[in-house]
Amino acid sequence: MPHESRRPLSRLDPRAPLVLDTRALGRRPGSMREESLTVPAPESLGVEMVGVPKDAELELDLRLEAVMEGVLVTGTTRVPLVGECSRCLDPLASTFEVEFQELFVYPDIRIGSMRHAAGEDELRLEGDFIDLEPALRDAVVLALPLSPLCRDDCPGLCTECGVRLADAEPGHHHDAVDPRWAALKDLQDQREESQEG
């Protein structure tokens, strides 16, 4: 059985849409570069009821700054959203804008005399490249509404018949009798009939 490394080599593909090259910045703190990109959306960028369609166009406005610890990326992304209203289940389509900021730490950065160990949520440069997808995914998914609405005053669906209340006639309701009181209702009906007869 071949020996497997505990830490698989992770090489970024420089041609991937969300992989950015930072060579132009060098390691000169204060150097900066701005860039605007339009890239296809990665898969599964959303929550249960709303999300960004795979391969939809994401518009990114980015600023990359070299700092002592690494490269600070500040950006804004505009994404198309599709989903359904959490109240009436009608389809939704809109555009959403999210701001984000993330520090990508140099792989060899040291703090004091101890080597700085990468935490689970710490992002690092791989060579001169950064993978923007994890930071972008976190920013977009965390900003999405868990219960999206087609409009703020959406009345939803009737709990009895399921009709959209926005389309129903004013005062839409059902005369429902609680089954626990059905026997008393029958007695009342019988009494009213005997009094009429």
C-alpha atoms as a PDB file:
ATOM      1  CA  MET A   1       0.000   0.000   0.000  1.00  0.00           C
ATOM      2  CA  PRO A   2       1.563   3.325  -1.011  1.00  0.00           C
ATOM      3  CA  HIS A   3       2.358   5.822   1.705  1.00  0.00           C
ATOM      4  CA  GLU A   4      -0.097   8.738   1.736  1.00  0.00           C
ATOM      5  CA  SER A   5       0.874  12.153   3.026  1.00  0.00           C
ATOM      6  CA  ARG A   6      -1.187  13.439   5.948  1.00  0.00           C
ATOM      7  CA  ARG A   7      -1.280  16.902   4.345  1.00  0.00           C
ATOM      8  CA  PRO A   8      -2.070  16.628   0.642  1.00  0.00           C
ATOM      9  CA  LEU A   9      -0.347  19.150  -1.559  1.00  0.00           C
ATOM     10  CA  SER A  10      -2.739  21.920  -2.389  1.00  0.00           C
ATOM     11  CA  ARG A  11      -1.780  23.734  -5.542  1.00  0.00           C
ATOM     12  CA  LEU A  12      -4.024  26.499  -6.781  1.00  0.00           C
ATOM     13  CA  ASP A  13      -4.813  26.647 -10.466  1.00  0.00           C
ATOM     14  CA  PRO A  14      -3.766  30.165 -11.539  1.00  0.00           C
ATOM     15  CA  ARG A  15      -6.349  29.995 -14.349  1.00  0.00           C
ATOM     16  CA  ALA A  16      -9.265  29.461 -11.929  1.00  0.00           C
ATOM     17  CA  PRO A  17     -11.600  32.484 -11.988  1.00  0.00           C
ATOM     18  CA  LEU A  18     -11.312  33.290  -8.269  1.00  0.00           C
ATOM     19  CA  VAL A  19      -7.557  32.718  -7.947  1.00  0.00           C
ATOM     20  CA  LEU A  20      -5.669  36.020  -7.899  1.00  0.00           C
ATOM     21  CA  ASP A  21      -1.967  36.629  -8.565  1.00  0.00           C
ATOM     22  CA  THR A  22      -0.316  38.980  -6.046  1.00  0.00           C
ATOM     23  CA  ARG A  23       3.183  39.118  -7.571  1.00  0.00           C
ATOM     24  CA  ALA A  24       2.699  42.730  -8.702  1.00  0.00           C
ATOM     25  CA  LEU A  25       2.333  43.788  -5.051  1.00  0.00           C
ATOM     26  CA  GLY A  26       5.554  42.183  -3.920  1.00  0.00           C
ATOM     27  CA  ARG A  27       5.968  42.154  -0.176  1.00  0.00           C
ATOM     28  CA  ARG A  28       6.118  45.910   0.094  1.00  0.00           C
ATOM     29  CA  PRO A  29       3.627  47.013   2.784  1.00  0.00           C
ATOM     30  CA  GLY A  30       1.550  49.850   1.411  1.00  0.00           C
ATOM     31  CA  SER A  31       1.615  48.706  -2.220  1.00  0.00           C
ATOM     32  CA  MET A  32      -1.894  48.410  -3.627  1.00  0.00           C
ATOM     33  CA  ARG A  33      -3.734  47.307  -6.734  1.00  0.00           C
ATOM     34  CA  GLU A  34      -7.403  47.662  -7.705  1.00  0.00           C
ATOM     35  CA  GLU A  35      -9.189  45.417 -10.115  1.00  0.00           C
ATOM     36  CA  SER A  36     -12.687  44.740 -11.432  1.00  0.00           C
ATOM     37  CA  LEU A  37     -13.634  41.234 -12.527  1.00  0.00           C
ATOM     38  CA  THR A  38     -16.646  39.386 -13.832  1.00  0.00           C
ATOM     39  CA  VAL A  39     -16.410  35.675 -13.010  1.00  0.00           C
ATOM     40  CA  PRO A  40     -18.774  32.687 -13.017  1.00  0.00           C
ATOM     41  CA  ALA A  41     -20.367  31.827  -9.666  1.00  0.00           C
ATOM     42  CA  PRO A  42     -19.103  28.699  -7.929  1.00  0.00           C
ATOM     43  CA  GLU A  43     -21.470  25.863  -7.133  1.00  0.00           C
ATOM     44  CA  SER A  44     -23.679  25.868  -3.996  1.00  0.00           C
ATOM     45  CA  LEU A  45     -23.444  29.584  -3.260  1.00  0.00           C
ATOM     46  CA  GLY A  46     -26.616  30.064  -1.218  1.00  0.00           C
ATOM     47  CA  VAL A  47     -28.919  28.884   1.542  1.00  0.00           C
ATOM     48  CA  GLU A  48     -32.001  26.668   1.434  1.00  0.00           C
ATOM     49  CA  MET A  49     -34.519  29.110  -0.069  1.00  0.00           C
ATOM     50  CA  VAL A  50     -32.314  31.545  -2.009  1.00  0.00           C
ATOM     51  CA  GLY A  51     -28.949  31.462  -3.737  1.00  0.00           C
ATOM     52  CA  VAL A  52     -26.762  32.401  -6.670  1.00  0.00           C
ATOM     53  CA  PRO A  53     -27.223  30.174  -9.725  1.00  0.00           C
ATOM     54  CA  LYS A  54     -24.094  28.189 -10.659  1.00  0.00           C
ATOM     55  CA  ASP A  55     -22.062  29.968 -13.361  1.00  0.00           C
ATOM     56  CA  ALA A  56     -24.092  33.198 -13.058  1.00  0.00           C
ATOM     57  CA  GLU A  57     -21.961  36.314 -13.504  1.00  0.00           C
ATOM     58  CA  LEU A  58     -20.474  37.754 -10.304  1.00  0.00           C
ATOM     59  CA  GLU A  59     -19.200  41.314 -10.579  1.00  0.00           C
ATOM     60  CA  LEU A  60     -16.262  41.991  -8.264  1.00  0.00           C
ATOM     61  CA  ASP A  61     -14.581  45.294  -7.405  1.00  0.00           C
ATOM     62  CA  LEU A  62     -11.409  44.480  -5.456  1.00  0.00           C
ATOM     63  CA  ARG A  63      -8.573  46.280  -3.731  1.00  0.00           C
ATOM     64  CA  LEU A  64      -5.494  44.215  -2.864  1.00  0.00           C
ATOM     65  CA  GLU A  65      -3.080  45.771  -0.345  1.00  0.00           C
ATOM     66  CA  ALA A  66       0.233  44.391   0.846  1.00  0.00           C
ATOM     67  CA  VAL A  67       0.499  44.576   4.647  1.00  0.00           C
ATOM     68  CA  MET A  68       3.104  43.194   7.072  1.00  0.00           C
ATOM     69  CA  GLU A  69       1.296  39.854   7.589  1.00  0.00           C
ATOM     70  CA  GLY A  70       0.091  39.240   4.052  1.00  0.00           C
ATOM     71  CA  VAL A  71      -2.358  40.619   1.501  1.00  0.00           C
ATOM     72  CA  LEU A  72      -5.539  42.378   2.601  1.00  0.00           C
ATOM     73  CA  VAL A  73      -8.364  42.002   0.085  1.00  0.00           C
ATOM     74  CA  THR A  74     -11.293  44.408   0.336  1.00  0.00           C
ATOM     75  CA  GLY A  75     -14.121  44.061  -2.110  1.00  0.00           C
ATOM     76  CA  THR A  76     -17.701  44.388  -3.183  1.00  0.00           C
ATOM     77  CA  THR A  77     -19.565  41.801  -5.200  1.00  0.00           C
ATOM     78  CA  ARG A  78     -22.883  42.051  -7.013  1.00  0.00           C
ATOM     79  CA  VAL A  79     -24.614  38.719  -7.446  1.00  0.00           C
ATOM     80  CA  PRO A  80     -27.891  37.619  -9.023  1.00  0.00           C
ATOM     81  CA  LEU A  81     -30.202  35.752  -6.653  1.00  0.00           C
ATOM     82  CA  VAL A  82     -32.960  33.267  -7.360  1.00  0.00           C
ATOM     83  CA  GLY A  83     -35.177  31.459  -4.881  1.00  0.00           C
ATOM     84  CA  GLU A  84     -38.664  31.474  -3.455  1.00  0.00           C
ATOM     85  CA  CYS A  85     -40.580  33.610  -1.009  1.00  0.00           C
ATOM     86  CA  SER A  86     -40.711  32.004   2.423  1.00  0.00           C
ATOM     87  CA  ARG A  87     -44.355  33.075   2.927  1.00  0.00           C
ATOM     88  CA  CYS A  88     -46.124  32.567  -0.418  1.00  0.00           C
ATOM     89  CA  LEU A  89     -43.555  30.338  -2.214  1.00  0.00           C
ATOM     90  CA  ASP A  90     -43.564  32.548  -5.334  1.00  0.00           C
ATOM     91  CA  PRO A  91     -40.301  32.595  -7.310  1.00  0.00           C
ATOM     92  CA  LEU A  92     -37.849  35.396  -6.521  1.00  0.00           C
ATOM     93  CA  ALA A  93     -35.187  36.994  -8.681  1.00  0.00           C
ATOM     94  CA  SER A  94     -33.087  39.979  -7.667  1.00  0.00           C
ATOM     95  CA  THR A  95     -29.570  41.363  -7.426  1.00  0.00           C
ATOM     96  CA  PHE A  96     -27.675  41.454  -4.150  1.00  0.00           C
ATOM     97  CA  GLU A  97     -24.547  43.408  -3.166  1.00  0.00           C
ATOM     98  CA  VAL A  98     -22.125  42.256  -0.479  1.00  0.00           C
ATOM     99  CA  GLU A  99     -18.984  43.877   0.917  1.00  0.00           C
ATOM    100  CA  PHE A 100     -16.182  41.754   2.334  1.00  0.00           C
ATOM    101  CA  GLN A 101     -12.644  42.011   3.651  1.00  0.00           C
ATOM    102  CA  GLU A 102     -10.161  39.207   4.232  1.00  0.00           C
ATOM    103  CA  LEU A 103      -6.506  38.958   5.182  1.00  0.00           C
ATOM    104  CA  PHE A 104      -4.519  36.291   3.333  1.00  0.00           C
ATOM    105  CA  VAL A 105      -1.474  35.526   5.480  1.00  0.00           C
ATOM    106  CA  TYR A 106       1.970  34.858   3.989  1.00  0.00           C
ATOM    107  CA  PRO A 107       2.859  31.154   4.363  1.00  0.00           C
ATOM    108  CA  ASP A 108       6.050  31.887   6.312  1.00  0.00           C
ATOM    109  CA  ILE A 109       4.822  34.643   8.615  1.00  0.00           C
ATOM    110  CA  ARG A 110       6.161  34.494  12.177  1.00  0.00           C
ATOM    111  CA  ILE A 111       4.780  36.229  15.247  1.00  0.00           C
ATOM    112  CA  GLY A 112       7.473  36.814  17.836  1.00  0.00           C
ATOM    113  CA  SER A 113       9.715  33.773  18.041  1.00  0.00           C
ATOM    114  CA  MET A 114       6.919  31.277  17.378  1.00  0.00           C
ATOM    115  CA  ARG A 115       5.832  30.191  13.937  1.00  0.00           C
ATOM    116  CA  HIS A 116       2.261  31.369  13.395  1.00  0.00           C
ATOM    117  CA  ALA A 117       0.085  28.269  13.002  1.00  0.00           C
ATOM    118  CA  ALA A 118      -2.759  28.601  10.534  1.00  0.00           C
ATOM    119  CA  GLY A 119      -6.117  28.450  12.235  1.00  0.00           C
ATOM    120  CA  GLU A 120      -9.080  26.703  10.641  1.00  0.00           C
ATOM    121  CA  ASP A 121     -10.572  29.948   9.416  1.00  0.00           C
ATOM    122  CA  GLU A 122      -7.301  31.657   8.523  1.00  0.00           C
ATOM    123  CA  LEU A 123      -6.613  31.985   4.815  1.00  0.00           C
ATOM    124  CA  ARG A 124      -3.044  31.815   3.485  1.00  0.00           C
ATOM    125  CA  LEU A 125      -1.327  32.668   0.251  1.00  0.00           C
ATOM    126  CA  GLU A 126      -0.056  29.706  -1.725  1.00  0.00           C
ATOM    127  CA  GLY A 127       3.080  31.035  -3.289  1.00  0.00           C
ATOM    128  CA  ASP A 128       1.971  34.305  -4.877  1.00  0.00           C
ATOM    129  CA  PHE A 129      -1.649  33.205  -5.325  1.00  0.00           C
ATOM    130  CA  ILE A 130      -4.778  33.606  -3.229  1.00  0.00           C
ATOM    131  CA  ASP A 131      -8.032  31.699  -3.595  1.00  0.00           C
ATOM    132  CA  LEU A 132     -10.829  34.215  -3.119  1.00  0.00           C
ATOM    133  CA  GLU A 133     -13.638  31.623  -3.215  1.00  0.00           C
ATOM    134  CA  PRO A 134     -13.766  30.757   0.547  1.00  0.00           C
ATOM    135  CA  ALA A 135     -13.861  34.440   1.577  1.00  0.00           C
ATOM    136  CA  LEU A 136     -16.447  35.271  -1.083  1.00  0.00           C
ATOM    137  CA  ARG A 137     -18.585  32.250  -0.163  1.00  0.00           C
ATOM    138  CA  ASP A 138     -18.556  33.192   3.537  1.00  0.00           C
ATOM    139  CA  ALA A 139     -19.473  36.805   2.810  1.00  0.00           C
ATOM    140  CA  VAL A 140     -22.333  36.005   0.417  1.00  0.00           C
ATOM    141  CA  VAL A 141     -23.864  33.076   2.318  1.00  0.00           C
ATOM    142  CA  LEU A 142     -23.756  34.867   5.683  1.00  0.00           C
ATOM    143  CA  ALA A 143     -25.433  37.965   4.199  1.00  0.00           C
ATOM    144  CA  LEU A 144     -28.313  36.087   2.531  1.00  0.00           C
ATOM    145  CA  PRO A 145     -31.734  36.190   4.214  1.00  0.00           C
ATOM    146  CA  LEU A 146     -32.750  32.835   5.690  1.00  0.00           C
ATOM    147  CA  SER A 147     -36.420  33.691   5.054  1.00  0.00           C
ATOM    148  CA  PRO A 148     -36.525  35.709   1.825  1.00  0.00           C
ATOM    149  CA  LEU A 149     -39.708  37.620   0.968  1.00  0.00           C
ATOM    150  CA  CYS A 150     -41.139  38.649  -2.407  1.00  0.00           C
ATOM    151  CA  ARG A 151     -42.128  41.920  -0.692  1.00  0.00           C
ATOM    152  CA  ASP A 152     -41.981  43.132   2.901  1.00  0.00           C
ATOM    153  CA  ASP A 153     -45.773  42.957   3.416  1.00  0.00           C
ATOM    154  CA  CYS A 154     -46.311  39.547   1.767  1.00  0.00           C
ATOM    155  CA  PRO A 155     -49.380  38.033   3.502  1.00  0.00           C
ATOM    156  CA  GLY A 156     -48.387  34.453   2.627  1.00  0.00           C
ATOM    157  CA  LEU A 157     -50.748  31.512   2.117  1.00  0.00           C
ATOM    158  CA  CYS A 158     -54.064  30.655   3.756  1.00  0.00           C
ATOM    159  CA  THR A 159     -53.430  27.995   6.374  1.00  0.00           C
ATOM    160  CA  GLU A 160     -56.751  26.289   5.575  1.00  0.00           C
ATOM    161  CA  CYS A 161     -56.894  26.132   1.766  1.00  0.00           C
ATOM    162  CA  GLY A 162     -53.404  27.208   0.634  1.00  0.00           C
ATOM    163  CA  VAL A 163     -54.565  30.085  -1.602  1.00  0.00           C
ATOM    164  CA  ARG A 164     -52.213  33.070  -1.894  1.00  0.00           C
ATOM    165  CA  LEU A 165     -53.735  35.670   0.414  1.00  0.00           C
ATOM    166  CA  ALA A 166     -52.510  38.464  -1.899  1.00  0.00           C
ATOM    167  CA  ASP A 167     -54.810  37.015  -4.612  1.00  0.00           C
ATOM    168  CA  ALA A 168     -57.753  36.090  -2.337  1.00  0.00           C
ATOM    169  CA  GLU A 169     -60.801  38.291  -1.840  1.00  0.00           C
ATOM    170  CA  PRO A 170     -60.682  40.734   1.101  1.00  0.00           C
ATOM    171  CA  GLY A 171     -61.707  39.132   4.379  1.00  0.00           C
ATOM    172  CA  HIS A 172     -60.845  35.596   3.148  1.00  0.00           C
ATOM    173  CA  HIS A 173     -61.519  33.137   5.981  1.00  0.00           C
ATOM    174  CA  HIS A 174     -62.948  29.694   6.717  1.00  0.00           C
ATOM    175  CA  ASP A 175     -65.582  28.768   9.280  1.00  0.00           C
ATOM    176  CA  ALA A 176     -63.722  25.978  10.945  1.00  0.00           C
ATOM    177  CA  VAL A 177     -65.037  24.242  14.034  1.00  0.00           C
ATOM    178  CA  ASP A 178     -62.548  22.856  16.477  1.00  0.00           C
ATOM    179  CA  PRO A 179     -63.169  19.077  16.431  1.00  0.00           C
ATOM    180  CA  ARG A 180     -63.144  19.024  20.234  1.00  0.00           C
ATOM    181  CA  TRP A 181     -66.287  21.222  20.190  1.00  0.00           C
ATOM    182  CA  ALA A 182     -68.035  19.406  17.324  1.00  0.00           C
ATOM    183  CA  ALA A 183     -70.335  17.421  19.653  1.00  0.00           C
ATOM    184  CA  LEU A 184     -71.495  20.611  21.384  1.00  0.00           C
ATOM    185  CA  LYS A 185     -72.088  22.252  18.011  1.00  0.00           C
ATOM    186  CA  ASP A 186     -74.274  19.276  17.013  1.00  0.00           C
ATOM    187  CA  LEU A 187     -76.260  19.610  20.269  1.00  0.00           C
ATOM    188  CA  GLN A 188     -76.712  23.333  19.660  1.00  0.00           C
ATOM    189  CA  ASP A 189     -77.913  22.662  16.086  1.00  0.00           C
ATOM    190  CA  GLN A 190     -80.397  20.033  17.364  1.00  0.00           C
ATOM    191  CA  ARG A 191     -81.696  22.408  20.025  1.00  0.00           C
ATOM    192  CA  GLU A 192     -82.201  25.214  17.488  1.00  0.00           C
ATOM    193  CA  GLU A 193     -84.076  22.800  15.177  1.00  0.00           C
ATOM    194  CA  SER A 194     -86.372  21.641  18.018  1.00  0.00           C
ATOM    195  CA  GLN A 195     -87.134  25.229  18.983  1.00  0.00           C
ATOM    196  CA  GLU A 196     -88.043  26.086  15.393  1.00  0.00           C
ATOM    197  CA  GLY A 197     -90.269  23.020  15.054  1.00  0.00           C
END
